Amino acid sequence: MKGTALITGASGGIGKELAELFAQDGYHLVLVARSGEILQQLAAELSAQYKIQAEVIVKDLEDPSTAFEIYEEVREKGIHIDFLINNAGFGVYGEFVNTALQAELNMIDLNIKTLTALTKLFLPGMIRSRRGGILNVASTAAFQPGPLMAVYYATKAYVLSFTEALANELKGTGITVTALCPGPTNTGFSDRANLEQSKLFQMGSMNAREVAEIGYNGFMQGKTIVIPGMKNRLLSFSVRFLPRKTVTQIVRRIQALKPAAAMQSKNFTGN
């Protein structure tokens, strides 16, 4: 076997697709999410189909202390993590003055604190073995401010900046660090907040498998930033040439919901 990948948020969407991609290439898995029954079923299916070992750890990653619990559980089982996939994340839609503070604090804990803690804990083992990689799932949201999702966009900017800095620090160690920055993706991300009514999603979205395949291939090639889809790449790089105020105004327009949908907006999970 080639090694072991630990994947957070593995119960659905991009995380689930990444788990299958690692499994079909012969990697063992440690699958982490709070949906225990779904994880157990996925682990059983992947183990049977690809003849790999798949461990399940059920944790609510919105509590950053679970990062230490995951690390200890993996260590007690004698598992060496070669690849860390920080995929779990969620967002909150709405004007900042109206959104729930606790939801946004939980989002910061998951999108930033847990991701950082897991990276800090598992990276030294990779460096000792001089092989491995870290894939952080960011978003095209990382490239600009995001009115109506102000905190979410800011958390993804952190993930991108953190990833690029680590990639530079780890040159020559045998460890690669990649930020996967998908645009709108069909993962249940839009449905739970009625974001399918926003211009952002009406412009088109990709499916989770396609995003995962592009991300996986870029990760294995050692790329630092992977942006699936030509449209997403063009939009992400074009913001560099516009005034920040203009970019922010544009994002506000494409984030806006139709009036009826805006009345029903709520928290959603995704990347």
Protein backbone atom coordinates (compact mmCIF):
# COMPACT_ATOMS: atom_id res chain seq x y z
CA MET A 1 0.00 0.00 0.00
CA LYS A 2 1.12 3.55 -0.74
CA GLY A 3 0.20 5.17 2.58
CA THR A 4 -2.73 6.67 4.45
CA ALA A 5 -4.86 9.75 3.85
CA LEU A 6 -6.87 11.42 6.61
CA ILE A 7 -9.88 13.24 5.18
CA THR A 8 -12.15 15.57 7.16
CA GLY A 9 -15.72 16.18 6.06
CA ALA A 10 -15.61 12.83 4.30
CA SER A 11 -19.30 11.96 4.63
CA GLY A 12 -20.40 13.78 1.48
CA GLY A 13 -19.62 16.18 -1.34
CA ILE A 14 -16.01 16.83 -2.31
CA GLY A 15 -14.68 14.99 0.75
CA LYS A 16 -16.48 11.78 -0.14
CA GLU A 17 -15.27 11.96 -3.74
CA LEU A 18 -11.69 12.55 -2.60
CA ALA A 19 -11.95 9.51 -0.34
CA GLU A 20 -12.90 7.32 -3.30
CA LEU A 21 -10.09 8.74 -5.43
CA PHE A 22 -7.50 7.93 -2.77
CA ALA A 23 -9.00 4.47 -2.24
CA GLN A 24 -9.01 3.55 -5.91
CA ASP A 25 -5.31 4.44 -6.06
CA GLY A 26 -4.59 2.06 -3.20
CA TYR A 27 -4.30 4.40 -0.22
CA HIS A 28 -5.62 3.53 3.23
CA LEU A 29 -8.08 6.01 4.71
CA VAL A 30 -8.99 7.67 7.98
CA LEU A 31 -12.41 9.25 7.46
CA VAL A 32 -13.51 12.00 9.83
CA ALA A 33 -16.91 13.69 10.17
CA ARG A 34 -19.77 13.83 12.65
CA SER A 35 -22.06 11.57 10.58
CA GLY A 36 -21.00 8.21 12.02
CA GLU A 37 -23.47 5.95 10.22
CA ILE A 38 -22.71 7.49 6.82
CA LEU A 39 -18.96 7.25 7.44
CA GLN A 40 -19.18 3.60 8.46
CA GLN A 41 -21.11 2.75 5.31
CA LEU A 42 -18.63 4.62 3.13
CA ALA A 43 -15.67 2.96 4.84
CA ALA A 44 -17.20 -0.48 4.33
CA GLU A 45 -17.92 0.18 0.66
CA LEU A 46 -14.45 1.53 -0.13
CA SER A 47 -12.71 -1.23 1.82
CA ALA A 48 -14.63 -3.93 -0.03
CA GLN A 49 -14.29 -2.40 -3.47
CA TYR A 50 -10.66 -1.32 -3.38
CA LYS A 51 -9.17 -3.72 -0.79
CA ILE A 52 -7.89 -0.95 1.43
CA GLN A 53 -8.26 -0.27 5.14
CA ALA A 54 -10.60 2.54 6.13
CA GLU A 55 -10.83 3.75 9.72
CA VAL A 56 -13.68 5.97 10.93
CA ILE A 57 -13.39 8.73 13.51
CA VAL A 58 -16.64 10.45 14.46
CA LYS A 59 -16.00 14.00 15.66
CA ASP A 60 -17.68 17.39 15.50
CA LEU A 61 -14.84 19.43 14.04
CA GLU A 62 -16.47 22.73 14.99
CA ASP A 63 -14.76 22.13 18.34
CA PRO A 64 -11.02 22.73 17.69
CA SER A 65 -10.08 20.50 20.64
CA THR A 66 -11.20 17.52 18.56
CA ALA A 67 -8.06 17.97 16.46
CA PHE A 68 -6.00 16.78 19.43
CA GLU A 69 -8.41 13.90 20.04
CA ILE A 70 -8.11 12.81 16.40
CA TYR A 71 -4.33 12.99 16.55
CA GLU A 72 -4.18 10.89 19.73
CA GLU A 73 -6.62 8.31 18.38
CA VAL A 74 -4.62 7.93 15.17
CA ARG A 75 -1.37 7.65 17.13
CA GLU A 76 -2.82 5.04 19.50
CA LYS A 77 -3.86 2.95 16.51
CA GLY A 78 -0.33 3.12 15.14
CA ILE A 79 -1.40 4.83 11.91
CA HIS A 80 1.03 7.12 10.10
CA ILE A 81 -0.72 9.86 8.13
CA ASP A 82 0.95 10.55 4.79
CA PHE A 83 -1.73 12.89 3.44
CA LEU A 84 -3.91 15.31 5.40
CA ILE A 85 -7.01 16.53 3.58
CA ASN A 86 -8.60 19.48 5.39
CA ASN A 87 -11.92 19.48 3.59
CA ALA A 88 -14.51 20.14 6.31
CA GLY A 89 -16.01 23.60 6.32
CA PHE A 90 -19.23 25.58 6.30
CA GLY A 91 -20.50 29.08 5.66
CA VAL A 92 -23.12 31.56 6.84
CA TYR A 93 -25.11 33.70 4.41
CA GLY A 94 -26.50 37.15 5.15
CA GLU A 95 -25.53 40.66 6.13
CA PHE A 96 -23.06 40.51 9.01
CA VAL A 97 -25.20 42.70 11.27
CA ASN A 98 -28.04 40.15 11.03
CA THR A 99 -26.22 36.81 11.10
CA ALA A 100 -25.84 34.67 14.21
CA LEU A 101 -22.63 35.38 16.10
CA GLN A 102 -22.27 31.83 17.46
CA ALA A 103 -22.66 30.35 13.99
CA GLU A 104 -19.87 32.56 12.70
CA LEU A 105 -17.61 31.79 15.66
CA ASN A 106 -18.21 28.08 14.99
CA MET A 107 -17.34 28.67 11.35
CA ILE A 108 -14.07 30.33 12.30
CA ASP A 109 -13.30 27.42 14.63
CA LEU A 110 -13.89 24.84 11.89
CA ASN A 111 -12.61 26.63 8.80
CA ILE A 112 -9.51 28.08 10.50
CA LYS A 113 -8.70 26.73 13.95
CA THR A 114 -9.33 23.02 13.38
CA LEU A 115 -7.59 23.12 10.00
CA THR A 116 -4.57 24.82 11.55
CA ALA A 117 -4.41 22.47 14.54
CA LEU A 118 -4.61 19.31 12.42
CA THR A 119 -1.87 20.64 10.16
CA LYS A 120 0.34 21.49 13.13
CA LEU A 121 -0.15 18.06 14.67
CA PHE A 122 0.34 15.85 11.60
CA LEU A 123 3.00 17.81 9.71
CA PRO A 124 5.99 16.84 11.91
CA GLY A 125 5.42 13.14 11.18
CA MET A 126 5.42 13.83 7.45
CA ILE A 127 8.65 15.80 7.73
CA ARG A 128 10.32 12.97 9.65
CA SER A 129 9.42 10.54 6.88
CA ARG A 130 10.25 13.13 4.20
CA ARG A 131 7.12 12.34 2.23
CA GLY A 132 3.50 13.37 2.20
CA GLY A 133 1.21 16.27 1.50
CA ILE A 134 -1.52 18.54 2.83
CA LEU A 135 -4.56 19.50 0.78
CA ASN A 136 -6.57 22.41 2.19
CA VAL A 137 -9.95 22.99 0.57
CA ALA A 138 -10.34 26.75 0.22
CA SER A 139 -12.59 28.40 -2.36
CA THR A 140 -12.60 30.98 -5.12
CA ALA A 141 -14.03 33.09 -2.28
CA ALA A 142 -10.44 33.30 -1.00
CA PHE A 143 -9.43 35.78 -3.70
CA GLN A 144 -11.67 38.73 -2.76
CA PRO A 145 -13.91 40.15 -0.03
CA GLY A 146 -17.42 38.71 0.06
CA PRO A 147 -20.31 40.95 1.08
CA LEU A 148 -23.27 38.89 2.34
CA MET A 149 -20.82 36.15 3.36
CA ALA A 150 -18.17 38.37 4.92
CA VAL A 151 -16.80 35.95 7.52
CA TYR A 152 -16.90 32.91 5.23
CA TYR A 153 -14.87 34.67 2.53
CA ALA A 154 -12.41 35.85 5.16
CA THR A 155 -11.90 32.32 6.49
CA LYS A 156 -11.14 31.03 3.01
CA ALA A 157 -8.67 33.88 2.45
CA TYR A 158 -6.88 32.63 5.55
CA VAL A 159 -6.79 29.08 4.19
CA LEU A 160 -5.27 30.23 0.90
CA SER A 161 -2.67 32.50 2.51
CA PHE A 162 -1.75 29.84 5.08
CA THR A 163 -1.35 27.22 2.36
CA GLU A 164 0.87 29.37 0.16
CA ALA A 165 3.12 30.27 3.09
CA LEU A 166 3.48 26.63 4.17
CA ALA A 167 4.23 25.53 0.62
CA ASN A 168 7.13 27.97 0.59
CA GLU A 169 8.43 26.93 4.02
CA LEU A 170 8.34 23.25 3.12
CA LYS A 171 10.29 23.39 -0.13
CA GLY A 172 12.93 20.69 -0.14
CA THR A 173 11.30 18.64 2.63
CA GLY A 174 9.43 16.23 0.38
CA ILE A 175 6.10 17.64 1.59
CA THR A 176 3.75 19.51 -0.72
CA VAL A 177 0.90 21.80 0.33
CA THR A 178 -2.02 22.56 -1.97
CA ALA A 179 -5.05 24.84 -1.79
CA LEU A 180 -8.04 23.55 -3.74
CA CYS A 181 -10.19 26.55 -4.65
CA PRO A 182 -13.49 25.44 -6.19
CA GLY A 183 -16.18 27.81 -7.34
CA PRO A 184 -19.91 27.00 -7.05
CA THR A 185 -20.20 23.23 -6.66
CA ASN A 186 -23.20 20.91 -6.46
CA THR A 187 -22.69 19.54 -2.96
CA GLY A 188 -25.85 20.70 -1.19
CA PHE A 189 -23.90 23.92 -0.59
CA SER A 190 -26.39 26.11 -2.41
CA ASP A 191 -29.63 24.32 -1.58
CA ARG A 192 -29.43 24.73 2.17
CA ALA A 193 -29.18 28.52 1.84
CA ASN A 194 -31.31 28.88 -1.28
CA LEU A 195 -28.20 30.12 -3.03
CA GLU A 196 -29.35 28.49 -6.23
CA GLN A 197 -31.35 31.72 -6.58
CA SER A 198 -28.20 33.86 -6.51
CA LYS A 199 -26.50 35.04 -9.67
CA LEU A 200 -23.38 33.22 -8.50
CA PHE A 201 -25.01 29.81 -8.88
CA GLN A 202 -27.14 30.80 -11.85
CA MET A 203 -23.89 31.40 -13.71
CA GLY A 204 -23.27 27.65 -13.49
CA SER A 205 -21.74 25.17 -11.08
CA MET A 206 -19.54 22.08 -11.22
CA ASN A 207 -20.25 18.65 -9.78
CA ALA A 208 -18.35 17.38 -6.75
CA ARG A 209 -16.68 14.50 -8.61
CA GLU A 210 -15.23 16.77 -11.26
CA VAL A 211 -13.91 19.19 -8.65
CA ALA A 212 -12.43 16.35 -6.60
CA GLU A 213 -10.68 14.80 -9.61
CA ILE A 214 -9.10 18.09 -10.64
CA GLY A 215 -8.08 18.79 -7.06
CA TYR A 216 -6.67 15.30 -6.54
CA ASN A 217 -4.63 15.39 -9.74
CA GLY A 218 -3.25 18.84 -8.97
CA PHE A 219 -2.41 17.76 -5.43
CA MET A 220 -0.55 14.70 -6.63
CA GLN A 221 1.38 16.89 -9.08
CA GLY A 222 2.47 19.12 -6.20
CA LYS A 223 0.66 22.26 -7.33
CA THR A 224 0.24 24.97 -4.72
CA ILE A 225 -3.09 26.35 -6.00
CA VAL A 226 -5.70 24.40 -7.94
CA ILE A 227 -8.77 26.20 -9.29
CA PRO A 228 -11.18 23.82 -11.07
CA GLY A 229 -12.87 25.18 -14.19
CA MET A 230 -11.70 27.73 -16.74
CA LYS A 231 -14.40 30.23 -15.75
CA ASN A 232 -13.39 30.04 -12.10
CA ARG A 233 -9.72 30.50 -12.98
CA LEU A 234 -10.45 33.54 -15.14
CA LEU A 235 -12.64 35.14 -12.48
CA SER A 236 -10.12 34.47 -9.72
CA PHE A 237 -7.21 35.99 -11.59
CA SER A 238 -9.15 38.89 -13.12
CA VAL A 239 -9.79 40.43 -9.70
CA ARG A 240 -6.08 41.28 -9.50
CA PHE A 241 -6.50 43.91 -12.17
CA LEU A 242 -9.54 45.70 -10.75
CA PRO A 243 -9.75 48.16 -7.83
CA ARG A 244 -10.67 46.35 -4.60
CA LYS A 245 -13.75 48.53 -4.16
CA THR A 246 -14.99 47.56 -7.61
CA VAL A 247 -14.38 43.87 -6.95
CA THR A 248 -16.30 44.06 -3.70
CA GLN A 249 -19.26 45.73 -5.42
CA ILE A 250 -19.29 43.04 -8.11
CA VAL A 251 -19.24 40.25 -5.53
CA ARG A 252 -22.13 41.88 -3.68
CA ARG A 253 -24.22 41.88 -6.85
CA ILE A 254 -23.60 38.24 -7.73
CA GLN A 255 -24.11 37.10 -4.13
CA ALA A 256 -27.53 38.75 -3.83
CA LEU A 257 -30.57 36.49 -3.73
CA LYS A 258 -33.91 37.07 -5.32
CA PRO A 259 -36.25 38.71 -2.75
CA ALA A 260 -38.26 35.56 -2.01
CA ALA A 261 -35.15 33.46 -1.55
CA ALA A 262 -33.48 36.09 0.60
CA MET A 263 -36.31 35.82 3.12
CA GLN A 264 -35.47 32.13 3.59
CA SER A 265 -31.65 32.31 3.74
CA LYS A 266 -29.92 30.31 6.50
CA ASN A 267 -26.67 28.54 7.35
CA PHE A 268 -25.25 26.05 4.91
CA THR A 269 -22.40 23.58 4.84
CA GLY A 270 -19.87 23.22 2.09
CA ASN A 271 -16.65 24.73 0.80
